[in-house]
N, C-alpha and C. Protein backbone atom coordinates (compact mmCIF):
# COMPACT_ATOMS: atom_id res chain seq x y z
N MET A 1 0.92 -1.10 0.15
CA MET A 1 0.04 -0.04 -0.08
C MET A 1 0.98 1.23 -0.01
N PHE A 2 0.60 2.13 -0.93
CA PHE A 2 1.23 3.49 -0.79
C PHE A 2 0.73 4.62 -0.08
N ASP A 3 1.52 5.43 0.44
CA ASP A 3 0.98 6.61 1.09
C ASP A 3 0.24 7.38 0.34
N GLN A 4 -0.90 7.87 0.94
CA GLN A 4 -1.62 8.92 0.18
C GLN A 4 -0.87 10.23 0.19
N ARG A 5 -0.88 11.00 -0.86
CA ARG A 5 -0.15 12.28 -0.65
C ARG A 5 -1.06 13.41 -1.11
N ILE A 6 -0.68 14.79 -0.60
CA ILE A 6 -1.25 15.88 -0.73
C ILE A 6 -0.68 16.55 -1.97
N TRP A 7 -1.43 16.91 -2.91
CA TRP A 7 -0.79 17.74 -4.21
C TRP A 7 -0.88 19.31 -3.45
N LEU A 8 0.29 19.75 -3.33
CA LEU A 8 0.59 21.12 -3.28
C LEU A 8 0.80 21.88 -4.55
N ILE A 9 -0.02 22.64 -4.97
CA ILE A 9 -0.10 23.64 -6.06
C ILE A 9 0.66 24.82 -5.54
N GLY A 10 2.06 24.95 -6.12
CA GLY A 10 2.89 25.83 -5.57
C GLY A 10 3.24 26.97 -6.46
N GLY A 11 4.42 27.70 -6.21
CA GLY A 11 4.91 28.72 -6.97
C GLY A 11 4.88 30.00 -6.22
N THR A 12 4.41 30.20 -4.96
CA THR A 12 4.55 31.17 -4.26
C THR A 12 5.32 31.03 -3.18
N GLN A 13 5.69 32.10 -2.39
CA GLN A 13 6.57 32.00 -1.22
C GLN A 13 5.60 31.20 -0.02
N GLU A 14 4.52 31.75 -0.13
CA GLU A 14 3.68 31.23 0.87
C GLU A 14 3.47 29.50 0.63
N SER A 15 3.41 29.19 -0.64
CA SER A 15 3.53 27.68 -0.72
C SER A 15 4.86 27.01 -0.53
N ALA A 16 5.84 27.38 -0.37
CA ALA A 16 7.09 27.26 0.14
C ALA A 16 6.92 26.76 1.44
N GLU A 17 6.57 28.13 1.99
CA GLU A 17 6.20 27.79 3.75
C GLU A 17 5.38 26.74 4.13
N ILE A 18 4.56 26.33 3.43
CA ILE A 18 3.30 25.20 3.63
C ILE A 18 4.22 23.82 3.20
N ALA A 19 5.17 24.03 2.21
CA ALA A 19 5.84 22.60 1.76
C ALA A 19 6.95 22.44 2.97
N ARG A 20 7.48 23.26 3.55
CA ARG A 20 8.57 23.25 4.63
C ARG A 20 7.86 22.69 5.82
N GLU A 21 6.50 22.95 6.08
CA GLU A 21 5.77 22.64 7.18
C GLU A 21 5.37 21.21 7.03
N PHE A 22 4.98 20.73 5.70
CA PHE A 22 4.62 19.31 5.30
C PHE A 22 5.99 18.47 5.63
N ALA A 23 6.97 18.89 5.17
CA ALA A 23 8.41 18.22 5.30
C ALA A 23 8.45 18.06 6.52
N ASP A 24 8.40 19.01 7.55
CA ASP A 24 8.98 19.11 8.86
C ASP A 24 7.92 18.18 9.59
N ARG A 25 6.77 17.87 9.38
CA ARG A 25 5.94 17.14 9.85
C ARG A 25 5.65 15.77 9.34
N GLN A 26 6.41 15.56 8.23
CA GLN A 26 6.72 14.24 7.41
C GLN A 26 5.22 13.93 6.81
N ILE A 27 4.59 15.00 6.19
CA ILE A 27 3.19 14.80 5.46
C ILE A 27 3.66 14.58 3.93
N PRO A 28 3.14 13.44 3.55
CA PRO A 28 3.64 12.99 2.31
C PRO A 28 2.80 14.07 1.27
N CYS A 29 3.66 14.66 0.17
CA CYS A 29 3.20 15.51 -0.67
C CYS A 29 3.89 15.57 -2.04
N ILE A 30 3.25 16.02 -3.02
CA ILE A 30 3.91 16.33 -4.24
C ILE A 30 3.67 17.66 -4.45
N VAL A 31 4.65 18.50 -4.81
CA VAL A 31 4.61 19.93 -5.23
C VAL A 31 4.57 20.23 -6.74
N THR A 32 3.70 20.90 -7.39
CA THR A 32 3.88 21.33 -8.53
C THR A 32 4.21 22.76 -8.84
N VAL A 33 5.16 23.05 -9.82
CA VAL A 33 5.19 24.64 -10.02
C VAL A 33 5.62 24.38 -11.63
N THR A 34 5.23 25.65 -12.16
CA THR A 34 5.44 25.86 -13.70
C THR A 34 6.85 26.24 -14.17
N THR A 35 7.85 26.71 -13.16
CA THR A 35 9.09 27.18 -13.72
C THR A 35 10.15 26.77 -12.90
N GLU A 36 11.26 26.29 -13.72
CA GLU A 36 12.40 25.45 -13.10
C GLU A 36 12.85 26.48 -11.78
N SER A 37 12.97 27.74 -11.94
CA SER A 37 13.35 28.69 -11.04
C SER A 37 12.60 28.67 -9.79
N ALA A 38 11.35 28.03 -9.67
CA ALA A 38 10.41 27.95 -8.54
C ALA A 38 10.83 26.71 -7.86
N ARG A 39 11.63 25.87 -8.41
CA ARG A 39 11.81 24.60 -7.69
C ARG A 39 12.62 24.79 -6.72
N SER A 40 13.70 25.82 -6.83
CA SER A 40 14.66 26.19 -5.53
C SER A 40 14.03 26.49 -4.29
N LEU A 41 12.71 27.20 -4.29
CA LEU A 41 11.83 27.40 -3.24
C LEU A 41 11.60 26.48 -2.16
N TYR A 42 11.53 25.24 -2.66
CA TYR A 42 11.15 24.09 -1.66
C TYR A 42 12.37 23.15 -1.23
N PRO A 43 11.82 22.40 -0.24
CA PRO A 43 13.03 21.61 0.52
C PRO A 43 13.28 20.50 -0.58
N PRO A 44 14.49 20.11 -0.82
CA PRO A 44 14.98 19.32 -1.62
C PRO A 44 14.43 17.84 -1.51
N SER A 45 13.83 17.67 -0.27
CA SER A 45 13.60 16.21 0.25
C SER A 45 12.17 15.91 -0.24
N LEU A 46 11.39 16.84 -0.88
CA LEU A 46 10.10 16.86 -1.50
C LEU A 46 10.16 16.50 -2.90
N PRO A 47 9.14 15.81 -3.40
CA PRO A 47 9.13 15.67 -4.95
C PRO A 47 8.50 16.70 -5.47
N ILE A 48 9.29 17.37 -6.61
CA ILE A 48 8.61 18.64 -7.21
C ILE A 48 8.46 18.22 -8.73
N ARG A 49 7.28 18.49 -9.38
CA ARG A 49 7.05 18.30 -10.62
C ARG A 49 6.78 19.68 -11.23
N VAL A 50 7.83 19.91 -12.44
CA VAL A 50 7.95 21.18 -12.90
C VAL A 50 7.26 21.30 -14.36
N GLY A 51 6.49 22.06 -14.37
CA GLY A 51 5.69 22.35 -15.76
C GLY A 51 4.31 22.27 -15.74
N LYS A 52 3.65 23.15 -16.58
CA LYS A 52 2.22 23.08 -16.49
C LYS A 52 1.49 21.54 -17.03
N LEU A 53 0.60 21.62 -16.05
CA LEU A 53 -0.44 20.23 -16.07
C LEU A 53 -1.45 20.47 -17.08
N ALA A 54 -1.58 19.51 -17.94
CA ALA A 54 -2.60 19.79 -19.02
C ALA A 54 -3.80 19.11 -18.53
N PRO A 55 -5.12 19.61 -18.77
CA PRO A 55 -6.13 18.84 -18.10
C PRO A 55 -6.26 17.58 -18.63
N ASP A 56 -5.99 17.02 -19.63
CA ASP A 56 -6.04 15.56 -20.10
C ASP A 56 -5.24 14.72 -19.19
N ASP A 57 -4.08 15.30 -18.35
CA ASP A 57 -2.90 14.52 -17.77
C ASP A 57 -3.28 14.49 -16.40
N LEU A 58 -4.14 15.22 -15.87
CA LEU A 58 -4.47 15.43 -14.44
C LEU A 58 -4.99 14.37 -13.86
N LYS A 59 -5.87 13.52 -14.31
CA LYS A 59 -6.27 12.29 -13.54
C LYS A 59 -5.18 11.45 -13.42
N MET A 60 -4.21 11.09 -14.32
CA MET A 60 -3.19 10.20 -14.40
C MET A 60 -2.19 10.74 -13.37
N PHE A 61 -1.86 12.10 -13.09
CA PHE A 61 -0.93 12.49 -12.29
C PHE A 61 -1.37 12.26 -10.90
N LEU A 62 -2.77 12.33 -10.78
CA LEU A 62 -3.41 12.35 -9.10
C LEU A 62 -3.28 10.85 -9.06
N ARG A 63 -3.26 10.03 -9.65
CA ARG A 63 -3.29 8.64 -9.78
C ARG A 63 -2.00 7.93 -9.32
N GLU A 64 -1.05 8.57 -10.36
CA GLU A 64 0.39 8.21 -10.30
C GLU A 64 0.93 8.62 -8.71
N HIS A 65 0.54 9.52 -8.31
CA HIS A 65 1.16 10.32 -7.07
C HIS A 65 0.31 9.88 -5.98
N PHE A 66 -0.86 9.18 -6.15
CA PHE A 66 -1.75 8.77 -4.94
C PHE A 66 -2.24 9.98 -4.12
N VAL A 67 -2.83 10.85 -5.04
CA VAL A 67 -3.06 12.10 -4.15
C VAL A 67 -4.54 11.96 -3.51
N SER A 68 -4.58 12.10 -2.44
CA SER A 68 -5.81 12.14 -1.68
C SER A 68 -6.55 13.53 -1.21
N ALA A 69 -5.86 14.67 -1.51
CA ALA A 69 -6.26 15.90 -1.11
C ALA A 69 -5.28 17.07 -1.95
N ILE A 70 -6.02 18.03 -2.16
CA ILE A 70 -5.47 19.33 -2.99
C ILE A 70 -5.18 20.46 -2.04
N VAL A 71 -4.08 21.05 -1.86
CA VAL A 71 -3.83 22.29 -1.38
C VAL A 71 -3.35 23.46 -2.43
N ASP A 72 -4.16 24.27 -2.74
CA ASP A 72 -3.83 25.16 -3.66
C ASP A 72 -3.35 26.60 -3.35
N ALA A 73 -2.09 26.70 -3.38
CA ALA A 73 -1.22 27.71 -2.89
C ALA A 73 -0.46 28.61 -4.01
N SER A 74 -1.34 28.47 -5.24
CA SER A 74 -0.72 29.01 -6.37
C SER A 74 -0.93 30.45 -6.39
N HIS A 75 -0.40 31.11 -7.39
CA HIS A 75 -0.60 32.66 -7.43
C HIS A 75 -1.97 33.20 -7.73
N PRO A 76 -2.54 34.20 -7.07
CA PRO A 76 -3.85 34.63 -7.38
C PRO A 76 -4.26 34.69 -8.93
N PHE A 77 -3.42 34.88 -9.74
CA PHE A 77 -3.59 35.14 -11.12
C PHE A 77 -3.56 33.63 -11.90
N ALA A 78 -3.27 32.59 -11.17
CA ALA A 78 -2.96 31.33 -11.72
C ALA A 78 -4.50 30.58 -11.69
N ILE A 79 -5.26 31.18 -12.56
CA ILE A 79 -6.65 30.80 -12.50
C ILE A 79 -6.77 29.71 -13.20
N GLU A 80 -6.19 29.31 -14.26
CA GLU A 80 -6.53 28.23 -14.92
C GLU A 80 -6.16 26.65 -14.04
N ILE A 81 -5.03 26.69 -13.31
CA ILE A 81 -4.83 25.58 -12.64
C ILE A 81 -5.82 25.51 -11.39
N SER A 82 -6.07 26.52 -10.69
CA SER A 82 -7.09 26.60 -9.81
C SER A 82 -8.46 26.01 -10.11
N ARG A 83 -8.93 26.45 -11.40
CA ARG A 83 -10.20 25.94 -11.97
C ARG A 83 -10.01 24.51 -12.12
N LEU A 84 -8.92 24.12 -12.75
CA LEU A 84 -8.85 22.69 -13.00
C LEU A 84 -8.89 21.74 -11.84
N ALA A 85 -8.09 22.23 -10.59
CA ALA A 85 -8.11 21.54 -9.51
C ALA A 85 -9.43 21.54 -8.68
N ILE A 86 -10.06 22.62 -8.81
CA ILE A 86 -11.55 22.58 -8.27
C ILE A 86 -12.41 21.61 -8.80
N ALA A 87 -12.48 21.51 -10.10
CA ALA A 87 -13.16 20.76 -10.73
C ALA A 87 -12.87 19.21 -10.78
N ILE A 88 -11.60 19.01 -10.69
CA ILE A 88 -11.11 17.45 -10.46
C ILE A 88 -11.28 16.96 -8.78
N ALA A 89 -11.45 17.96 -7.96
CA ALA A 89 -11.48 17.65 -6.54
C ALA A 89 -13.14 17.38 -6.58
N ALA A 90 -13.96 18.09 -7.11
CA ALA A 90 -15.21 17.74 -7.13
C ALA A 90 -15.52 16.42 -7.75
N GLU A 91 -15.24 16.22 -8.90
CA GLU A 91 -15.26 15.00 -9.82
C GLU A 91 -14.97 13.84 -8.96
N LEU A 92 -13.78 13.95 -8.36
CA LEU A 92 -13.25 12.83 -7.44
C LEU A 92 -13.46 12.67 -6.16
N SER A 93 -14.10 13.83 -5.66
CA SER A 93 -14.66 13.93 -4.05
C SER A 93 -13.22 13.83 -3.44
N LEU A 94 -12.44 14.77 -3.66
CA LEU A 94 -11.08 14.95 -3.02
C LEU A 94 -11.31 16.20 -2.21
N PRO A 95 -10.75 16.37 -1.21
CA PRO A 95 -10.89 17.72 -0.33
C PRO A 95 -9.98 18.77 -0.92
N TYR A 96 -10.36 19.96 -1.21
CA TYR A 96 -9.45 21.06 -1.82
C TYR A 96 -9.56 22.25 -0.84
N LEU A 97 -8.56 22.56 -0.36
CA LEU A 97 -8.10 23.87 0.22
C LEU A 97 -7.57 24.85 -0.53
N ARG A 98 -7.70 26.16 -0.30
CA ARG A 98 -7.28 27.07 -1.05
C ARG A 98 -6.83 28.15 -0.28
N PHE A 99 -5.58 28.31 -0.25
CA PHE A 99 -4.75 29.30 0.33
C PHE A 99 -4.81 30.59 -0.13
N GLU A 100 -5.42 31.65 0.73
CA GLU A 100 -5.62 32.94 0.41
C GLU A 100 -5.01 33.89 1.28
N ARG A 101 -4.59 34.94 0.84
CA ARG A 101 -3.92 36.00 1.48
C ARG A 101 -5.16 36.96 1.98
N SER A 102 -5.31 37.44 3.18
CA SER A 102 -6.34 38.11 3.74
C SER A 102 -6.01 39.55 3.23
N SER A 103 -7.02 40.17 2.67
CA SER A 103 -6.78 41.61 2.15
C SER A 103 -7.09 42.54 3.20
N ILE A 104 -7.53 42.10 4.50
CA ILE A 104 -7.89 42.98 5.47
C ILE A 104 -6.87 43.15 6.55
N THR A 105 -6.49 41.80 7.12
CA THR A 105 -5.54 41.87 8.06
C THR A 105 -4.14 41.62 7.64
N GLY A 106 -3.70 40.93 6.45
CA GLY A 106 -2.65 40.50 6.09
C GLY A 106 -2.24 39.19 6.42
N GLU A 107 -2.90 38.70 7.25
CA GLU A 107 -2.64 37.22 7.75
C GLU A 107 -3.34 36.29 6.56
N PRO A 108 -2.45 35.53 6.28
CA PRO A 108 -2.94 34.03 5.20
C PRO A 108 -4.06 33.30 6.02
N SER A 109 -4.68 32.72 5.16
CA SER A 109 -5.66 31.74 5.73
C SER A 109 -5.95 30.51 4.86
N LEU A 110 -6.14 29.35 5.01
CA LEU A 110 -6.73 28.15 4.35
C LEU A 110 -8.16 28.22 4.28
N ASN A 111 -8.73 28.09 3.17
CA ASN A 111 -10.17 27.92 3.20
C ASN A 111 -10.60 26.68 2.32
N PHE A 112 -11.60 26.10 2.87
CA PHE A 112 -12.16 24.82 2.46
C PHE A 112 -13.13 25.24 1.31
N LEU A 113 -13.06 24.87 -0.12
CA LEU A 113 -13.97 25.10 -1.05
C LEU A 113 -14.90 23.98 -1.45
N VAL A 114 -14.17 22.61 -1.26
CA VAL A 114 -14.87 21.39 -1.63
C VAL A 114 -14.96 20.46 -0.75
């Protein structure tokens, strides 16, 4: 039996902080980023996938990495991947958490959307 993993949609400083927390707590995850330069933000002990995920490849990606939940800490303008993640989470009944920066207090938060 393989460990279930969290898919952390990254590319932001906040996502790197979340990834470090996961690594420190030994929470299995797979991080995705779109650029090679973003890889350096994350602990080397975590698996990192670099490149854009095509909609047709998403289910295979989730199966290959035994994803059981999604944490979306992508950039607020990364609308396409967030929409894809929300849709696949709903379709597969996976928990989806969206990290959002608070516009009032400046304090970040995780919000359940699915």
